[in-house]
Protein backbone atom coordinates (compact mmCIF):
# COMPACT_ATOMS: atom_id res chain seq x y z
CA UNK A 1 -218.57 -8.60 112.60
CA UNK A 2 -217.64 -7.98 116.15
CA UNK A 3 -219.68 -5.59 118.37
CA UNK A 4 -218.24 -2.25 118.55
CA UNK A 5 -218.08 -0.76 122.00
CA UNK A 6 -218.48 2.84 122.94
CA UNK A 7 -215.17 4.33 124.28
CA UNK A 8 -214.34 7.47 126.26
CA UNK A 9 -210.79 8.78 125.39
CA UNK A 10 -209.34 11.54 127.42
CA UNK A 11 -206.43 13.92 127.08
CA UNK A 12 -202.89 12.56 127.43
CA UNK A 13 -200.90 13.56 130.47
CA UNK A 14 -198.60 16.60 129.89
CA UNK A 15 -200.41 17.55 126.58
CA UNK A 16 -203.26 19.87 125.59
CA UNK A 17 -206.04 18.36 123.33
CA UNK A 18 -203.84 15.35 122.32
CA UNK A 19 -205.64 11.99 122.59
CA UNK A 20 -204.51 8.44 122.48
CA UNK A 21 -207.21 6.50 120.88
CA UNK A 22 -205.62 3.23 121.99
CA UNK A 23 -206.29 3.97 125.66
CA UNK A 24 -209.45 5.08 127.35
CA UNK A 25 -212.50 3.63 129.10
CA UNK A 26 -214.40 1.09 127.15
CA UNK A 27 -218.12 0.54 127.98
CA UNK A 28 -218.76 -2.97 129.06
CA UNK A 29 -222.41 -2.58 127.75
CA UNK A 30 -223.27 -0.15 125.14
CA UNK A 31 -225.89 2.48 126.05
CA UNK A 32 -229.52 2.00 124.78
CA UNK A 33 -229.75 5.85 124.04
CA UNK A 34 -227.85 9.08 123.77
CA UNK A 35 -229.65 12.24 124.79
CA UNK A 36 -228.37 15.54 123.40
CA UNK A 37 -229.67 18.96 124.44
CA UNK A 38 -228.92 22.43 123.21
CA UNK A 39 -230.35 25.76 124.22
CA UNK A 40 -229.95 29.31 122.98
CA UNK A 41 -230.42 32.56 124.84
CA UNK A 42 -232.74 35.27 123.31
CA UNK A 43 -233.29 38.60 125.13
CA UNK A 44 -236.65 40.31 124.89
CA UNK A 45 -236.41 43.92 123.54
CA UNK A 46 -238.46 46.52 125.35
CA UNK A 47 -241.49 47.42 123.31
CA UNK A 48 -244.84 48.92 124.47
CA UNK A 49 -248.23 47.83 123.09
CA UNK A 50 -246.83 44.74 121.44
CA UNK A 51 -248.11 41.13 121.78
CA UNK A 52 -244.93 39.54 120.71
CA UNK A 53 -241.86 41.75 121.36
CA UNK A 54 -238.99 41.30 119.14
CA UNK A 55 -236.26 38.86 120.54
CA UNK A 56 -232.49 39.47 120.11
CA UNK A 57 -230.03 36.57 120.10
CA UNK A 58 -227.32 36.99 122.67
CA UNK A 59 -225.42 33.57 122.78
CA UNK A 60 -225.85 29.75 122.79
CA UNK A 61 -225.23 27.31 125.49
CA UNK A 62 -222.90 24.41 124.86
CA UNK A 63 -224.51 21.17 123.90
CA UNK A 64 -224.98 18.56 126.62
CA UNK A 65 -224.90 14.79 126.24
CA UNK A 66 -226.59 12.60 128.75
CA UNK A 67 -225.58 8.86 128.75
CA UNK A 68 -226.21 6.05 131.10
CA UNK A 69 -223.54 3.32 131.30
CA UNK A 70 -223.79 -0.10 133.11
CA UNK A 71 -220.67 -1.80 134.51
CA UNK A 72 -220.99 -5.48 135.65
CA UNK A 73 -218.23 -7.85 136.93
CA UNK A 74 -220.62 -10.44 138.44
CA UNK A 75 -221.66 -12.32 135.29
CA UNK A 76 -218.28 -13.91 134.68
CA UNK A 77 -216.79 -17.45 135.06
CA UNK A 78 -214.43 -16.26 137.80
CA UNK A 79 -214.99 -17.69 141.31
CA UNK A 80 -213.83 -14.46 142.79
CA UNK A 81 -215.52 -11.51 141.18
CA UNK A 82 -213.65 -8.34 140.25
CA UNK A 83 -214.50 -5.05 142.06
CA UNK A 84 -216.55 -2.99 139.63
CA UNK A 85 -214.93 0.08 140.94
CA UNK A 86 -212.07 -0.60 138.62
CA UNK A 87 -214.23 0.83 135.91
CA UNK A 88 -216.38 3.31 137.85
CA UNK A 89 -213.24 4.97 139.48
CA UNK A 90 -212.07 5.82 135.85
CA UNK A 91 -215.19 7.78 135.37
CA UNK A 92 -215.02 9.43 138.60
CA UNK A 93 -211.61 10.81 137.88
CA UNK A 94 -212.90 12.47 134.85
CA UNK A 95 -214.45 15.03 137.18
CA UNK A 96 -211.29 15.52 139.37
CA UNK A 97 -207.93 17.23 139.24
CA UNK A 98 -206.46 14.11 140.75
CA UNK A 99 -204.46 12.13 138.06
CA UNK A 100 -204.63 15.18 135.87
CA UNK A 101 -202.66 17.61 138.03
CA UNK A 102 -200.38 18.69 135.34
CA UNK A 103 -203.52 20.35 133.63
CA UNK A 104 -204.94 21.78 136.88
CA UNK A 105 -208.39 20.72 135.75
CA UNK A 106 -210.19 17.41 134.76
CA UNK A 107 -209.51 16.39 131.24
CA UNK A 108 -211.41 16.99 128.05
CA UNK A 109 -212.92 13.79 126.73
CA UNK A 110 -213.90 12.49 123.24
CA UNK A 111 -216.60 9.79 122.91
CA UNK A 112 -216.08 7.45 120.04
CA UNK A 113 -218.31 4.65 118.82
CA UNK A 114 -217.68 2.35 115.89
CA UNK A 115 -217.78 3.61 112.31
CA UNK A 116 -219.24 6.96 113.53
CA UNK A 117 -215.97 7.82 115.15
CA UNK A 118 -215.67 10.77 117.47
CA UNK A 119 -219.30 12.10 117.91
CA UNK A 120 -218.89 14.25 121.01
CA UNK A 121 -215.96 16.28 122.69
CA UNK A 122 -216.67 17.72 126.05
CA UNK A 123 -216.07 17.63 129.79
CA UNK A 124 -217.94 15.42 132.32
CA UNK A 125 -219.83 17.95 134.47
CA UNK A 126 -222.16 15.63 136.41
CA UNK A 127 -221.83 12.01 137.52
CA UNK A 128 -224.27 9.88 139.56
CA UNK A 129 -223.04 6.35 140.29
CA UNK A 130 -225.33 3.64 141.79
CA UNK A 131 -223.89 0.43 143.08
CA UNK A 132 -226.69 -2.11 142.86
CA UNK A 133 -225.14 -5.63 143.41
CA UNK A 134 -222.66 -6.92 145.94
CA UNK A 135 -220.91 -10.15 146.84
CA UNK A 136 -221.25 -11.70 150.20
CA UNK A 137 -218.06 -9.98 151.43
CA UNK A 138 -219.35 -6.50 150.30
CA UNK A 139 -217.50 -6.14 147.01
CA UNK A 140 -219.54 -4.01 144.50
CA UNK A 141 -219.93 -6.01 141.17
CA UNK A 142 -222.58 -4.03 139.34
CA UNK A 143 -223.00 -0.27 138.90
CA UNK A 144 -225.07 2.26 136.91
CA UNK A 145 -223.37 5.57 135.98
CA UNK A 146 -225.40 8.49 134.80
CA UNK A 147 -223.02 10.87 132.98
CA UNK A 148 -223.63 14.46 131.71
CA UNK A 149 -221.01 15.73 129.27
CA UNK A 150 -220.91 19.39 128.27
CA UNK A 151 -219.47 20.35 124.84
CA UNK A 152 -215.92 21.93 124.95
CA UNK A 153 -213.96 23.88 122.31
CA UNK A 154 -211.01 26.10 122.35
CA UNK A 155 -211.77 29.76 121.83
CA UNK A 156 -209.73 29.67 118.57
CA UNK A 157 -211.83 26.68 117.14
CA UNK A 158 -215.19 28.31 118.17
CA UNK A 159 -214.43 31.74 116.73
CA UNK A 160 -213.29 30.11 113.38
CA UNK A 161 -216.50 28.23 113.14
CA UNK A 162 -218.62 31.36 113.27
CA UNK A 163 -219.88 32.77 109.89
CA UNK A 164 -220.28 36.35 111.03
CA UNK A 165 -219.40 38.69 108.24
CA UNK A 166 -221.83 41.51 108.71
CA UNK A 167 -220.76 44.74 110.28
CA UNK A 168 -223.80 44.86 112.57
CA UNK A 169 -222.75 41.70 114.42
CA UNK A 170 -220.10 41.90 117.27
CA UNK A 171 -217.50 39.33 116.85
CA UNK A 172 -213.73 38.37 117.69
CA UNK A 173 -210.61 38.55 115.66
CA UNK A 174 -207.39 36.65 116.33
CA UNK A 175 -204.37 38.79 115.43
CA UNK A 176 -202.09 37.26 112.84
CA UNK A 177 -198.51 38.23 112.39
CA UNK A 178 -198.07 41.40 110.28
CA UNK A 179 -201.61 42.65 110.74
CA UNK A 180 -202.49 46.21 111.69
CA UNK A 181 -205.68 47.77 113.00
CA UNK A 182 -206.13 49.36 109.55
CA UNK A 183 -205.80 45.86 107.74
CA UNK A 184 -208.15 44.32 110.32
CA UNK A 185 -210.67 47.13 109.74
CA UNK A 186 -210.33 46.61 105.98
CA UNK A 187 -211.11 42.85 106.44
CA UNK A 188 -213.95 43.37 108.90
CA UNK A 189 -215.54 46.48 107.85
CA UNK A 190 -214.26 46.83 104.13
CA UNK A 191 -212.65 50.19 105.13
CA UNK A 192 -209.24 50.56 106.67
CA UNK A 193 -210.21 54.04 108.00
CA UNK A 194 -212.63 52.53 110.48
CA UNK A 195 -209.84 51.13 112.85
CA UNK A 196 -210.61 53.58 115.72
CA UNK A 197 -213.77 51.65 117.01
CA UNK A 198 -211.60 48.49 117.32
CA UNK A 199 -208.95 50.44 119.21
CA UNK A 200 -211.40 52.06 121.53
CA UNK A 201 -213.42 48.73 122.24
CA UNK A 202 -210.13 46.92 123.15
CA UNK A 203 -208.53 49.76 125.12
CA UNK A 204 -205.37 49.78 123.02
CA UNK A 205 -202.86 52.38 124.12
CA UNK A 206 -200.73 52.01 121.10
CA UNK A 207 -202.97 50.92 118.07
CA UNK A 208 -199.68 50.41 116.08
CA UNK A 209 -198.49 47.56 118.15
CA UNK A 210 -200.46 44.30 117.94
CA UNK A 211 -199.26 41.06 119.44
CA UNK A 212 -200.01 37.98 117.33
CA UNK A 213 -202.53 35.71 118.89
CA UNK A 214 -204.33 38.40 120.76
CA UNK A 215 -208.20 38.13 120.51
CA UNK A 216 -209.74 41.49 119.62
CA UNK A 217 -213.41 42.23 119.88
CA UNK A 218 -214.75 43.71 116.73
CA UNK A 219 -217.55 45.97 117.79
CA UNK A 220 -220.74 46.63 115.74
CA UNK A 221 -220.89 49.85 113.76
CA UNK A 222 -223.79 52.26 114.26
CA UNK A 223 -225.63 53.17 111.15
């Protein structure tokens, strides 16, 4: 069985979240570790004469992935060694608008490895490149690249992953064709008469006119 290499695939030009798995940056050497981190934000509620005041969850931060890659063009049979920047420049451009001008931002990336498939989707937010070996004419032939990716999802995907059904949890709702505030209130609060809090929270001038695709904030109901 051949050794599977880690691969970084990025968005196609002129498309949004479409990936060509046949293209991308293949690691010359697989990393020896993947470091994931995740943090959640909890706000302390004011309470006097308490040793451990209650904490209220506000939101979570996107996961981050730290990965170190090594690129080496020296250990080959070629008399003239290739410039390792052929590989490191590909990483560099995952942090720039250059080469991705049609998107006006750096691309979203997917990290894929062997039978696991895609195990992370995110953007490259930090890159440190060290060139540590050179030929006599100054050509860099070995580099270490420290990469930090931050998880990325569309608002639509993230909202649909939430399992917030309680009326005391603020959430968002994407308007579908044919919906009204009354039908949304019936779905969210189990009472169509409770449409006014939604209209007020979102500053709707005409609560009878809803544009499909609009994201509405569904406020909590006081008890």
